[in-house]
Protein backbone atom coordinates (compact mmCIF):
# COMPACT_ATOMS: atom_id res chain seq x y z
CA MET A 1 108.66 34.53 167.54
CA THR A 2 108.48 30.80 168.15
CA LYS A 3 111.45 28.54 167.51
CA THR A 4 110.75 25.00 166.27
CA LEU A 5 112.91 21.94 165.77
CA TYR A 6 111.43 21.34 162.31
CA ASP A 7 114.04 21.40 159.57
CA PRO A 8 112.82 20.92 155.98
CA GLU A 9 116.26 19.68 154.89
CA VAL A 10 116.12 16.87 157.45
CA GLU A 11 112.66 15.95 156.22
CA LYS A 12 113.88 15.92 152.61
CA ARG A 13 116.84 13.65 153.46
CA GLY A 14 114.53 11.30 155.36
CA TYR A 15 112.15 11.14 152.42
CA GLU A 16 115.01 10.44 150.00
CA LYS A 17 116.38 7.74 152.29
CA GLY A 18 112.96 6.10 152.46
CA ILE A 19 112.69 6.13 148.68
CA SER A 20 116.16 4.64 148.21
CA GLU A 21 115.53 1.93 150.81
CA GLY A 22 112.27 1.03 149.07
CA ILE A 23 114.05 0.80 145.74
CA LEU A 24 116.79 -1.30 147.30
CA GLN A 25 114.21 -3.71 148.75
CA GLU A 26 112.56 -4.04 145.34
CA LYS A 27 115.93 -4.76 143.72
CA LYS A 28 116.65 -7.43 146.33
CA GLU A 29 113.36 -9.15 145.51
CA ILE A 30 114.08 -8.98 141.78
CA ILE A 31 117.61 -10.34 142.28
CA LEU A 32 116.30 -13.28 144.30
CA LYS A 33 113.58 -14.07 141.75
CA MET A 34 116.11 -13.98 138.92
CA HIS A 35 118.45 -16.23 140.90
CA LEU A 36 115.66 -18.75 141.44
CA LYS A 37 114.90 -18.72 137.71
CA GLY A 38 118.49 -19.63 136.92
CA TYR A 39 120.01 -16.34 135.80
CA SER A 40 123.76 -16.12 136.36
CA GLU A 41 125.13 -13.59 138.82
CA ALA A 42 126.70 -11.69 135.92
CA GLU A 43 123.35 -11.49 134.09
CA ILE A 44 121.58 -10.34 137.24
CA SER A 45 124.26 -7.70 137.81
CA ASP A 46 123.96 -6.44 134.25
CA ILE A 47 120.18 -6.16 134.37
CA THR A 48 119.81 -4.67 137.87
CA ASP A 49 122.90 -2.42 137.84
CA VAL A 50 124.06 -3.98 141.12
CA ASP A 51 127.70 -5.08 141.08
CA VAL A 52 128.38 -8.84 141.11
CA GLU A 53 129.64 -8.70 144.69
CA GLY A 54 126.40 -7.03 145.76
CA VAL A 55 124.35 -9.67 143.97
CA GLN A 56 126.37 -12.43 145.65
CA GLU A 57 125.89 -10.80 149.06
CA ILE A 58 122.12 -10.51 148.59
CA ILE A 59 121.86 -14.15 147.49
CA LYS A 60 124.11 -15.31 150.34
CA ASN A 61 122.11 -13.42 152.97
CA SER A 62 118.79 -14.73 151.67
CA THR A 63 119.74 -18.40 152.03
CA ARG A 64 120.57 -18.25 155.75
């Protein structure tokens, strides 16, 4: 019997993390586009389901 280091649960968590990071990146892009179009932070928060503080942080970090 051969023992491997492969763990399907680790692979599954990695896949899920990749998906969530991809979704987060898409949301960041949407938030920045909405900000440039003049949406308020409250409107952006409501539409993207990201709390206002998160929206503010994304906008703040993008203008550095």
